[in-house]
Structures are given as structure tokens and as C-alpha cells.
Protein backbone atom coordinates (compact mmCIF):
# COMPACT_ATOMS: atom_id res chain seq x y z
CA MET A 1 23.12 28.24 15.09
CA PRO A 2 19.83 26.40 14.31
CA ALA A 3 19.98 23.08 12.52
CA ALA A 4 19.17 23.07 8.82
CA PRO A 5 15.82 21.44 7.98
CA THR A 6 16.14 17.85 6.91
CA HIS A 7 14.12 16.54 3.97
CA LEU A 8 13.24 12.89 4.00
CA ARG A 9 12.35 11.05 0.88
CA VAL A 10 10.11 8.07 1.53
CA THR A 11 9.79 5.47 -1.17
CA ALA A 12 7.02 2.91 -0.83
CA ILE A 13 8.07 -0.71 -1.06
CA PRO A 14 6.23 -2.29 -4.00
CA SER A 15 3.72 -4.97 -3.14
CA VAL A 16 4.01 -8.50 -4.43
CA THR A 17 1.20 -7.73 -6.87
CA ASP A 18 3.06 -4.70 -8.21
CA ALA A 19 6.23 -6.75 -8.60
CA LEU A 20 4.40 -9.53 -10.47
CA LYS A 21 2.74 -7.02 -12.78
CA ALA A 22 6.14 -5.50 -13.55
CA VAL A 23 7.62 -8.90 -14.40
CA GLU A 24 4.54 -9.71 -16.46
CA SER A 25 4.90 -6.51 -18.46
CA LEU A 26 8.52 -7.39 -19.24
CA LEU A 27 7.79 -10.97 -20.31
CA LEU A 28 4.46 -10.70 -22.11
CA GLY A 29 3.16 -8.47 -24.83
CA ALA A 30 0.07 -6.37 -24.21
CA GLY A 31 -2.18 -8.77 -26.12
CA GLN A 32 -0.97 -11.77 -24.14
CA ARG A 33 -1.49 -9.94 -20.85
CA THR A 34 -5.04 -9.03 -21.84
CA ALA A 35 -5.79 -12.59 -22.93
CA ARG A 36 -4.41 -14.03 -19.69
CA ARG A 37 -6.40 -11.60 -17.56
CA ASN A 38 -9.56 -12.31 -19.55
CA ALA A 39 -9.03 -16.04 -19.11
CA TRP A 40 -8.56 -15.64 -15.35
CA THR A 41 -11.71 -13.52 -15.12
CA SER A 42 -13.57 -16.27 -16.97
CA VAL A 43 -12.28 -18.91 -14.54
CA LEU A 44 -13.45 -16.86 -11.55
CA GLU A 45 -16.87 -16.34 -13.15
CA ASP A 46 -17.20 -20.09 -13.87
CA ARG A 47 -16.39 -20.83 -10.22
CA ARG A 48 -19.01 -18.33 -9.07
CA ARG A 49 -21.66 -19.86 -11.34
CA ALA A 50 -20.81 -23.37 -10.13
CA LYS A 51 -21.18 -22.25 -6.52
CA ASP A 52 -24.53 -20.64 -7.36
CA ARG A 53 -25.72 -23.87 -9.04
CA VAL A 54 -24.83 -25.93 -5.96
CA GLU A 55 -26.62 -23.49 -3.67
CA ALA A 56 -29.69 -23.48 -5.93
CA GLN A 57 -29.70 -27.29 -5.98
CA HIS A 58 -29.61 -27.40 -2.18
CA VAL A 59 -32.50 -24.95 -1.95
CA LEU A 60 -34.59 -26.91 -4.45
CA GLU A 61 -33.89 -30.17 -2.63
CA ALA A 62 -34.81 -28.59 0.71
CA VAL A 63 -38.06 -27.24 -0.70
CA SER A 64 -38.99 -30.57 -2.25
CA GLY A 65 -38.31 -32.37 1.04
CA ARG A 66 -35.37 -34.42 -0.24
CA THR A 67 -32.05 -34.44 1.50
CA SER A 68 -29.02 -33.29 -0.41
CA ARG A 69 -26.71 -36.07 -1.62
CA ALA A 70 -23.76 -33.66 -1.52
CA THR A 71 -23.79 -33.41 2.27
């Protein structure tokens, strides 16, 4: 007699990010989550702009013939 087909059910293990988002949704209201995410996006954008300013300063100093004081 042939063996009956076996059905496997595979459940993906949640990532750390998924787990943190689940905890966040339990602890914070929707407005607080949005505010926190907006604040973090703002921090990342500020860091990017600061990096761009430093790079621009180095380029301007190189063009003007001065050496950078930051290095």
C-alpha cells in the first residue's frame, strides 16, 4: 500500500525587526509610533546633511589650496 502524502506546514521565524514592531504596536498608540518614526527619519536626514557639509567643506578647502583642519 502506498504511503499517504504528507503535508508540511512551514512557518517563517519572525525577524528581530518584526518582533520589535509587534512590541511597539502593543506599547504605543498609532500617533506615538508615527511621531517616533518621523523623529528617527529626521535624525537620519540631519546626519546625512552633516556628512554632506563636511564633504563640501573638504572639497572647497582642496580647491582653495588650504589643507583641511579636520584631518
